[in-house]
């Protein structure tokens, strides 16, 4: 899910803030989701997973940045929405200058 500058920034944050020596490859999917949300919050990419109901529950994500963006469609599970959010944040971060 994370690549390039975003992955390097995440791993640096993981080592310094969470005192974990793991690399992204050794984390479980639940750990990646958990730590990714904490990391995104810390670097200013605050997000939400929202639930709507039409013909069943659907999950969408919203990213609260200077020009807010949201998922284009609903996902069947919260995990699918969260994965898509992380993938989109990865694209945004790899285009930015990260410390």
N, C-alpha and C. Protein backbone atom coordinates (compact mmCIF):
# COMPACT_ATOMS: atom_id res chain seq x y z
N UNK A 1 0.81 -1.20 0.00
CA UNK A 1 0.00 0.00 0.00
C UNK A 1 0.85 1.26 0.00
N UNK A 2 1.90 1.28 0.82
CA UNK A 2 2.77 2.45 0.88
C UNK A 2 4.03 2.20 0.06
N UNK A 3 4.42 3.22 -0.69
CA UNK A 3 5.60 3.12 -1.54
C UNK A 3 6.39 4.42 -1.48
N UNK A 4 7.62 4.36 -1.96
CA UNK A 4 8.44 5.56 -2.14
C UNK A 4 8.62 6.39 -0.88
N UNK A 5 8.48 7.73 -1.07
CA UNK A 5 8.69 8.66 0.03
C UNK A 5 7.69 8.45 1.17
N UNK A 6 6.47 8.08 0.82
CA UNK A 6 5.45 7.86 1.85
C UNK A 6 5.85 6.69 2.75
N UNK A 7 6.32 5.61 2.15
CA UNK A 7 6.74 4.44 2.93
C UNK A 7 7.93 4.78 3.83
N UNK A 8 8.91 5.52 3.28
CA UNK A 8 10.07 5.90 4.08
C UNK A 8 9.66 6.80 5.25
N UNK A 9 8.77 7.74 5.00
CA UNK A 9 8.28 8.63 6.05
C UNK A 9 7.53 7.85 7.12
N UNK A 10 6.68 6.90 6.69
CA UNK A 10 5.92 6.08 7.63
C UNK A 10 6.85 5.24 8.50
N UNK A 11 7.84 4.60 7.88
CA UNK A 11 8.76 3.76 8.66
C UNK A 11 9.58 4.59 9.64
N UNK A 12 10.00 5.78 9.22
CA UNK A 12 10.74 6.67 10.13
C UNK A 12 9.85 7.04 11.31
N UNK A 13 8.60 7.41 11.03
CA UNK A 13 7.65 7.75 12.09
C UNK A 13 7.42 6.55 13.01
N UNK A 14 7.26 5.36 12.44
CA UNK A 14 7.02 4.14 13.21
C UNK A 14 8.16 3.88 14.18
N UNK A 15 9.40 4.05 13.72
CA UNK A 15 10.58 3.81 14.57
C UNK A 15 10.70 4.88 15.66
N UNK A 16 10.49 6.16 15.28
CA UNK A 16 10.72 7.25 16.23
C UNK A 16 9.55 7.48 17.17
N UNK A 17 8.33 7.37 16.69
CA UNK A 17 7.16 7.70 17.49
C UNK A 17 6.60 6.50 18.23
N UNK A 18 6.51 5.39 17.56
CA UNK A 18 5.92 4.19 18.16
C UNK A 18 6.97 3.24 18.71
N UNK A 19 8.24 3.56 18.49
CA UNK A 19 9.36 2.75 18.97
C UNK A 19 9.26 1.30 18.49
N UNK A 20 8.84 1.15 17.24
CA UNK A 20 8.76 -0.18 16.62
C UNK A 20 9.92 -0.32 15.65
N UNK A 21 10.54 -1.48 15.63
CA UNK A 21 11.65 -1.70 14.71
C UNK A 21 11.20 -2.43 13.45
N UNK A 22 9.90 -2.69 13.34
CA UNK A 22 9.36 -3.42 12.19
C UNK A 22 9.48 -2.60 10.91
N UNK A 23 9.52 -3.30 9.81
CA UNK A 23 9.34 -2.64 8.52
C UNK A 23 7.88 -2.89 8.13
N UNK A 24 7.41 -2.16 7.15
CA UNK A 24 6.02 -2.30 6.73
C UNK A 24 5.71 -3.75 6.35
N UNK A 25 6.66 -4.43 5.75
CA UNK A 25 6.44 -5.80 5.28
C UNK A 25 6.16 -6.79 6.41
N UNK A 26 6.62 -6.48 7.63
CA UNK A 26 6.44 -7.43 8.73
C UNK A 26 5.19 -7.15 9.57
N UNK A 27 4.49 -6.05 9.30
CA UNK A 27 3.28 -5.73 10.05
C UNK A 27 2.08 -6.49 9.49
N UNK A 28 1.15 -6.83 10.36
CA UNK A 28 -0.10 -7.43 9.90
C UNK A 28 -0.94 -6.35 9.23
N UNK A 29 -1.95 -6.74 8.47
CA UNK A 29 -2.79 -5.75 7.81
C UNK A 29 -3.49 -4.85 8.83
N UNK A 30 -3.91 -5.42 9.97
CA UNK A 30 -4.55 -4.61 11.00
C UNK A 30 -3.58 -3.60 11.60
N UNK A 31 -2.33 -4.00 11.80
CA UNK A 31 -1.33 -3.07 12.32
C UNK A 31 -1.06 -1.96 11.31
N UNK A 32 -0.98 -2.31 10.04
CA UNK A 32 -0.76 -1.29 9.01
C UNK A 32 -1.89 -0.28 9.03
N UNK A 33 -3.14 -0.73 9.09
CA UNK A 33 -4.27 0.19 9.13
C UNK A 33 -4.20 1.08 10.37
N UNK A 34 -3.98 0.46 11.52
CA UNK A 34 -3.93 1.20 12.78
C UNK A 34 -2.84 2.27 12.77
N UNK A 35 -1.62 1.86 12.46
CA UNK A 35 -0.51 2.80 12.48
C UNK A 35 -0.61 3.81 11.34
N UNK A 36 -1.14 3.43 10.21
CA UNK A 36 -1.28 4.36 9.09
C UNK A 36 -2.19 5.53 9.46
N UNK A 37 -3.31 5.23 10.11
CA UNK A 37 -4.23 6.30 10.51
C UNK A 37 -3.57 7.23 11.53
N UNK A 38 -2.85 6.67 12.50
CA UNK A 38 -2.14 7.51 13.49
C UNK A 38 -1.10 8.38 12.79
N UNK A 39 -0.36 7.80 11.86
CA UNK A 39 0.68 8.53 11.14
C UNK A 39 0.07 9.62 10.28
N UNK A 40 -0.99 9.31 9.55
CA UNK A 40 -1.64 10.31 8.70
C UNK A 40 -2.16 11.47 9.54
N UNK A 41 -2.74 11.18 10.69
CA UNK A 41 -3.18 12.24 11.60
C UNK A 41 -2.00 13.11 12.02
N UNK A 42 -0.89 12.47 12.38
CA UNK A 42 0.29 13.20 12.85
C UNK A 42 0.88 14.12 11.79
N UNK A 43 0.78 13.75 10.52
CA UNK A 43 1.36 14.58 9.46
C UNK A 43 0.32 15.50 8.83
N UNK A 44 -0.89 15.54 9.41
CA UNK A 44 -1.88 16.51 8.97
C UNK A 44 -2.87 16.04 7.92
N UNK A 45 -2.88 14.76 7.62
CA UNK A 45 -3.88 14.22 6.69
C UNK A 45 -4.95 13.51 7.52
N UNK A 46 -5.87 14.30 8.04
CA UNK A 46 -6.90 13.78 8.92
C UNK A 46 -8.04 13.22 8.08
N UNK A 47 -8.45 12.01 8.40
CA UNK A 47 -9.44 11.33 7.58
C UNK A 47 -10.60 10.80 8.40
N UNK A 48 -11.65 10.44 7.71
CA UNK A 48 -12.82 9.83 8.32
C UNK A 48 -13.31 8.71 7.42
N UNK A 49 -13.84 7.68 8.03
CA UNK A 49 -14.57 6.66 7.29
C UNK A 49 -16.03 6.86 7.67
N UNK A 50 -16.88 7.09 6.69
CA UNK A 50 -18.30 7.34 6.95
C UNK A 50 -19.14 6.19 6.43
N UNK A 51 -20.27 6.02 7.07
CA UNK A 51 -21.20 4.96 6.68
C UNK A 51 -22.48 5.60 6.15
N UNK A 52 -22.94 5.11 5.03
CA UNK A 52 -24.23 5.53 4.49
C UNK A 52 -25.05 4.27 4.23
N UNK A 53 -26.34 4.47 4.12
CA UNK A 53 -27.20 3.31 3.87
C UNK A 53 -28.07 3.57 2.64
N UNK A 54 -27.90 2.75 1.63
CA UNK A 54 -28.80 2.67 0.48
C UNK A 54 -28.62 1.28 -0.09
N UNK A 55 -29.64 0.51 -0.08
CA UNK A 55 -29.57 -0.91 -0.47
C UNK A 55 -28.52 -1.65 0.34
N UNK A 56 -28.33 -1.29 1.58
CA UNK A 56 -27.31 -1.88 2.43
C UNK A 56 -26.30 -0.82 2.84
N UNK A 57 -25.44 -1.17 3.75
CA UNK A 57 -24.44 -0.22 4.23
C UNK A 57 -23.31 -0.08 3.22
N UNK A 58 -22.82 1.15 3.08
CA UNK A 58 -21.68 1.45 2.22
C UNK A 58 -20.76 2.38 3.00
N UNK A 59 -19.47 2.20 2.82
CA UNK A 59 -18.47 2.99 3.52
C UNK A 59 -17.75 3.89 2.52
N UNK A 60 -17.55 5.14 2.92
CA UNK A 60 -16.78 6.09 2.11
C UNK A 60 -15.71 6.71 2.99
N UNK A 61 -14.68 7.25 2.36
CA UNK A 61 -13.66 7.95 3.12
C UNK A 61 -13.65 9.42 2.72
N UNK A 62 -13.25 10.25 3.67
CA UNK A 62 -13.14 11.69 3.47
C UNK A 62 -11.79 12.12 4.02
N UNK A 63 -11.05 12.89 3.25
CA UNK A 63 -9.74 13.37 3.66
C UNK A 63 -9.83 14.87 3.85
N UNK A 64 -9.61 15.32 5.07
CA UNK A 64 -9.77 16.72 5.43
C UNK A 64 -8.45 17.47 5.27
N UNK A 65 -8.20 17.94 4.06
CA UNK A 65 -7.01 18.74 3.76
C UNK A 65 -7.51 20.07 3.20
N UNK A 66 -6.60 20.95 2.78
CA UNK A 66 -7.01 22.28 2.33
C UNK A 66 -8.08 22.22 1.24
N UNK A 67 -7.98 21.28 0.34
CA UNK A 67 -9.04 21.01 -0.63
C UNK A 67 -9.52 19.60 -0.36
N UNK A 68 -10.55 19.46 0.50
CA UNK A 68 -10.99 18.12 0.91
C UNK A 68 -11.33 17.22 -0.28
N UNK A 69 -11.00 15.96 -0.14
CA UNK A 69 -11.36 14.98 -1.16
C UNK A 69 -12.06 13.82 -0.49
N UNK A 70 -12.79 13.07 -1.28
CA UNK A 70 -13.50 11.90 -0.74
C UNK A 70 -13.50 10.81 -1.78
N UNK A 71 -13.83 9.62 -1.33
CA UNK A 71 -13.88 8.48 -2.25
C UNK A 71 -14.98 8.73 -3.28
N UNK A 72 -14.77 8.19 -4.45
CA UNK A 72 -15.71 8.41 -5.54
C UNK A 72 -16.95 7.53 -5.43
N UNK A 73 -16.85 6.44 -4.70
CA UNK A 73 -17.99 5.54 -4.55
C UNK A 73 -17.91 4.83 -3.20
N UNK A 74 -18.97 4.16 -2.82
CA UNK A 74 -19.03 3.45 -1.56
C UNK A 74 -18.40 2.07 -1.65
N UNK A 75 -17.86 1.63 -0.54
CA UNK A 75 -17.25 0.30 -0.44
C UNK A 75 -18.13 -0.58 0.42
N UNK A 76 -18.06 -1.87 0.19
CA UNK A 76 -18.89 -2.81 0.95
C UNK A 76 -18.42 -2.99 2.39
N UNK A 77 -17.13 -2.79 2.63
CA UNK A 77 -16.61 -2.96 3.99
C UNK A 77 -15.77 -1.75 4.38
N UNK A 78 -15.67 -1.56 5.68
CA UNK A 78 -14.83 -0.48 6.21
C UNK A 78 -13.36 -0.72 5.82
N UNK A 79 -12.93 -1.97 5.84
CA UNK A 79 -11.54 -2.29 5.49
C UNK A 79 -11.22 -1.91 4.04
N UNK A 80 -12.16 -2.16 3.12
CA UNK A 80 -11.94 -1.76 1.72
C UNK A 80 -11.82 -0.25 1.59
N UNK A 81 -12.67 0.49 2.32
CA UNK A 81 -12.61 1.95 2.28
C UNK A 81 -11.29 2.45 2.86
N UNK A 82 -10.85 1.86 3.96
CA UNK A 82 -9.61 2.25 4.60
C UNK A 82 -8.41 1.96 3.69
N UNK A 83 -8.42 0.81 3.04
CA UNK A 83 -7.33 0.46 2.12
C UNK A 83 -7.26 1.47 0.98
N UNK A 84 -8.41 1.83 0.40
CA UNK A 84 -8.44 2.80 -0.69
C UNK A 84 -7.97 4.18 -0.21
N UNK A 85 -8.35 4.55 1.01
CA UNK A 85 -7.88 5.81 1.58
C UNK A 85 -6.36 5.84 1.67
N UNK A 86 -5.77 4.78 2.19
CA UNK A 86 -4.31 4.73 2.34
C UNK A 86 -3.63 4.77 0.98
N UNK A 87 -4.17 4.08 0.01
CA UNK A 87 -3.60 4.10 -1.35
C UNK A 87 -3.64 5.51 -1.91
N UNK A 88 -4.74 6.23 -1.72
CA UNK A 88 -4.85 7.60 -2.23
C UNK A 88 -3.93 8.55 -1.47
N UNK A 89 -3.79 8.39 -0.16
CA UNK A 89 -2.85 9.21 0.61
C UNK A 89 -1.42 8.94 0.16
N UNK A 90 -1.11 7.69 -0.15
CA UNK A 90 0.21 7.33 -0.65
C UNK A 90 0.52 8.12 -1.93
N UNK A 91 -0.45 8.20 -2.84
CA UNK A 91 -0.26 8.96 -4.09
C UNK A 91 -0.02 10.44 -3.80
N UNK A 92 -0.82 11.01 -2.89
CA UNK A 92 -0.68 12.42 -2.53
C UNK A 92 0.69 12.68 -1.93
N UNK A 93 1.10 11.84 -0.98
CA UNK A 93 2.36 12.05 -0.27
C UNK A 93 3.57 11.86 -1.16
N UNK A 94 3.50 10.94 -2.10
CA UNK A 94 4.64 10.72 -2.99
C UNK A 94 4.82 11.87 -3.98
N UNK A 95 3.81 12.71 -4.12
CA UNK A 95 3.92 13.90 -4.97
C UNK A 95 4.41 15.11 -4.19
N UNK A 96 4.38 15.03 -2.85
CA UNK A 96 4.79 16.14 -1.99
C UNK A 96 6.24 15.97 -1.54
N UNK A 97 6.78 17.06 -1.02
CA UNK A 97 8.10 17.03 -0.41
C UNK A 97 7.93 16.59 1.03
N UNK A 98 8.42 15.44 1.41
CA UNK A 98 8.32 14.95 2.79
C UNK A 98 9.63 15.12 3.52
N UNK A 99 9.53 15.36 4.81
CA UNK A 99 10.73 15.52 5.64
C UNK A 99 11.28 14.15 6.00
